[in-house]
Amino acid sequence: MNNLAKTAYFSGNYNGGSSMIRVVTNSDVDKYQRMVNMYLHKYVVKNWNEANMNRSDEEVTLGNTGMSIADIRQHLMAEVVVALQKYNPDYKTNEGKSVLESTFVYQHLFNRCGQLMKKLTKKRYGYGIWSSNLEDVLGESDLYGRDQ
C-alpha cells in the first residue's frame, strides 16, 4: 500500500454543508485496488509500449512523461481517497435513486484518468513524436524530389 493512502485522514466540511468529510482508512482504499489496476491496464498500458503491469517493471519511465506505472498507480489511489471523501451516501438523483459508493468511485476515476491521459499524451509535450516520421514532425519534404 502506498504511503498516500496511509496518511489520508482528513476532517472538515464538504460540498459547503455541515457534514464532516469521511475519514478514509486503508481498508476502504484496499477495496478499490482492483479497480485502479483495471484503469491502469485499460487506459495507461495501451498507450505506451514500455508499460508493463509486472511489479518488477513498474518503475520504467513512460515515454517523455517522466512518470512510471507506480507513479500513475499512486496518483489513482490518491483519487480513490478523494472520491471516498466526496461520496455522499444521502445523494439522490433526479429520479430519486441513490448512487452506490463503487459507482461513484468508478465514475470519479474515469474522469480523472481521462484528464491525466489527455495531459500526458499531448503531442506538444513530446508524446508520439519519437515514433513518427521525422520529416513529418519537422515539416520537411523529401530532398530528392521523391514525394509521393
Protein backbone atom coordinates (compact mmCIF):
# COMPACT_ATOMS: atom_id res chain seq x y z
CA MET A 1 0.00 0.00 0.00
CA ASN A 2 1.34 3.42 -0.83
CA ASN A 3 2.04 5.99 1.85
CA LEU A 4 -0.52 8.38 0.45
CA ALA A 5 -3.45 6.17 1.43
CA LYS A 6 -1.97 5.56 4.89
CA THR A 7 -1.91 9.28 5.65
CA ALA A 8 -5.29 10.17 4.14
CA TYR A 9 -7.18 11.16 7.28
CA PHE A 10 -8.92 14.49 6.90
CA SER A 11 -11.78 16.27 8.59
CA GLY A 12 -13.77 19.32 7.63
CA ASN A 13 -16.81 20.33 5.62
CA TYR A 14 -17.57 19.02 2.15
CA ASN A 15 -19.86 20.45 -0.50
CA GLY A 16 -20.46 23.52 1.66
CA GLY A 17 -22.62 21.50 4.04
CA SER A 18 -22.34 20.97 7.75
CA SER A 19 -21.37 17.30 7.43
CA MET A 20 -17.86 16.11 8.13
CA ILE A 21 -15.63 14.61 5.47
CA ARG A 22 -15.40 10.89 5.82
CA VAL A 23 -12.30 9.50 7.48
CA VAL A 24 -10.75 7.17 4.92
CA THR A 25 -8.92 4.10 6.21
CA ASN A 26 -6.56 1.69 4.49
CA SER A 27 -9.28 -0.98 4.31
CA ASP A 28 -11.54 1.49 2.47
CA VAL A 29 -8.84 2.16 -0.12
CA ASP A 30 -7.80 -1.51 -0.43
CA LYS A 31 -11.29 -2.38 -1.73
CA TYR A 32 -10.56 -0.37 -4.87
CA GLN A 33 -7.10 -1.75 -5.68
CA ARG A 34 -8.55 -3.99 -8.42
CA MET A 35 -10.41 -1.03 -9.93
CA VAL A 36 -7.19 1.02 -10.06
CA ASN A 37 -5.38 -1.90 -11.72
CA MET A 38 -8.20 -2.17 -14.26
CA TYR A 39 -7.80 1.52 -15.12
CA LEU A 40 -4.04 1.11 -15.42
CA HIS A 41 -4.45 -1.83 -17.78
CA LYS A 42 -7.31 -0.34 -19.80
CA TYR A 43 -6.15 3.27 -20.19
CA VAL A 44 -2.44 3.50 -19.39
CA VAL A 45 -0.68 0.34 -20.57
CA LYS A 46 -2.22 0.53 -24.04
CA ASN A 47 -0.67 3.98 -24.64
CA TRP A 48 2.99 3.04 -24.13
CA ASN A 49 4.96 0.09 -25.48
CA GLU A 50 7.26 0.11 -22.44
CA ALA A 51 4.35 -0.04 -19.96
CA ASN A 52 4.10 -3.31 -18.10
CA MET A 53 1.86 -4.36 -15.20
CA ASN A 54 4.53 -6.58 -13.62
CA ARG A 55 5.58 -5.26 -10.22
CA SER A 56 9.25 -5.67 -11.15
CA ASP A 57 8.88 -3.40 -14.21
CA GLU A 58 6.62 -0.69 -12.82
CA GLU A 59 9.45 1.86 -12.36
CA VAL A 60 10.12 2.13 -16.12
CA THR A 61 9.54 5.70 -17.35
CA LEU A 62 6.66 6.01 -19.79
CA GLY A 63 7.95 7.88 -22.81
CA ASN A 64 8.58 11.60 -22.23
CA THR A 65 6.08 11.86 -19.37
CA GLY A 66 8.59 11.41 -16.57
CA MET A 67 6.07 9.13 -14.85
CA SER A 68 6.10 5.40 -14.29
CA ILE A 69 3.29 2.91 -13.73
CA ALA A 70 3.99 3.17 -9.99
CA ASP A 71 3.58 6.96 -10.13
CA ILE A 72 0.30 6.72 -12.01
CA ARG A 73 -0.91 3.99 -9.62
CA GLN A 74 -0.16 6.27 -6.67
CA HIS A 75 -1.97 9.14 -8.39
CA LEU A 76 -5.05 6.99 -8.98
CA MET A 77 -5.02 5.71 -5.39
CA ALA A 78 -4.98 9.34 -4.25
CA GLU A 79 -8.01 9.93 -6.47
CA VAL A 80 -9.75 6.98 -4.79
CA VAL A 81 -9.21 8.72 -1.44
CA VAL A 82 -10.65 11.96 -2.86
CA ALA A 83 -13.65 10.11 -4.29
CA LEU A 84 -14.33 8.35 -0.99
CA GLN A 85 -14.20 11.68 0.82
CA LYS A 86 -16.55 13.35 -1.66
CA TYR A 87 -19.06 10.49 -1.70
CA ASN A 88 -22.38 11.49 -0.17
CA PRO A 89 -24.49 8.43 0.75
CA ASP A 90 -27.60 10.61 1.09
CA TYR A 91 -27.41 11.90 -2.50
CA LYS A 92 -30.39 11.10 -4.73
CA THR A 93 -30.59 11.51 -8.49
CA ASN A 94 -33.45 13.38 -10.18
CA GLU A 95 -35.25 10.04 -10.46
CA GLY A 96 -34.90 9.51 -6.71
CA LYS A 97 -32.29 6.77 -7.00
CA SER A 98 -29.30 6.55 -4.69
CA VAL A 99 -25.76 6.14 -6.01
CA LEU A 100 -23.55 3.28 -4.85
CA GLU A 101 -20.13 4.10 -3.46
CA SER A 102 -18.41 1.88 -6.01
CA THR A 103 -20.27 3.56 -8.88
CA PHE A 104 -19.24 6.98 -7.62
CA VAL A 105 -15.58 5.92 -7.28
CA TYR A 106 -15.66 4.29 -10.74
CA GLN A 107 -17.00 7.47 -12.38
CA HIS A 108 -14.55 9.67 -10.45
CA LEU A 109 -11.61 7.52 -11.60
CA PHE A 110 -12.94 7.52 -15.16
CA ASN A 111 -12.98 11.33 -15.22
CA ARG A 112 -9.61 11.76 -13.51
CA CYS A 113 -7.86 9.07 -15.54
CA GLY A 114 -9.17 10.68 -18.72
CA GLN A 115 -7.85 14.08 -17.65
CA LEU A 116 -4.46 12.58 -16.79
CA MET A 117 -4.17 10.71 -20.09
CA LYS A 118 -5.10 13.85 -22.07
CA LYS A 119 -2.38 15.74 -20.24
CA LEU A 120 0.27 13.04 -20.68
CA THR A 121 -0.41 12.22 -24.34
CA LYS A 122 -0.38 15.68 -25.94
CA LYS A 123 1.88 15.94 -28.98
CA ARG A 124 3.27 19.31 -27.94
CA TYR A 125 4.74 17.65 -24.84
CA GLY A 126 6.54 15.07 -26.98
CA TYR A 127 4.09 12.16 -26.90
CA GLY A 128 4.27 10.11 -30.09
CA ILE A 129 6.87 12.31 -31.78
CA TRP A 130 9.69 9.78 -31.42
CA SER A 131 7.72 7.11 -33.28
CA SER A 132 6.50 9.49 -36.01
CA ASN A 133 8.15 10.02 -39.37
CA LEU A 134 10.94 12.57 -38.78
CA GLU A 135 10.19 14.55 -41.97
CA ASP A 136 6.55 14.94 -40.94
CA VAL A 137 7.50 16.16 -37.48
CA LEU A 138 9.98 18.69 -38.82
CA GLY A 139 7.73 19.74 -41.70
CA GLU A 140 10.35 18.98 -44.35
CA SER A 141 9.76 17.41 -47.73
CA ASP A 142 11.87 14.81 -49.49
CA LEU A 143 15.14 16.40 -50.61
CA TYR A 144 15.48 14.18 -53.65
CA GLY A 145 12.09 15.01 -55.19
CA ARG A 146 10.55 11.63 -54.44
CA ASP A 147 7.47 12.98 -52.63
CA GLN A 148 4.54 10.69 -53.02
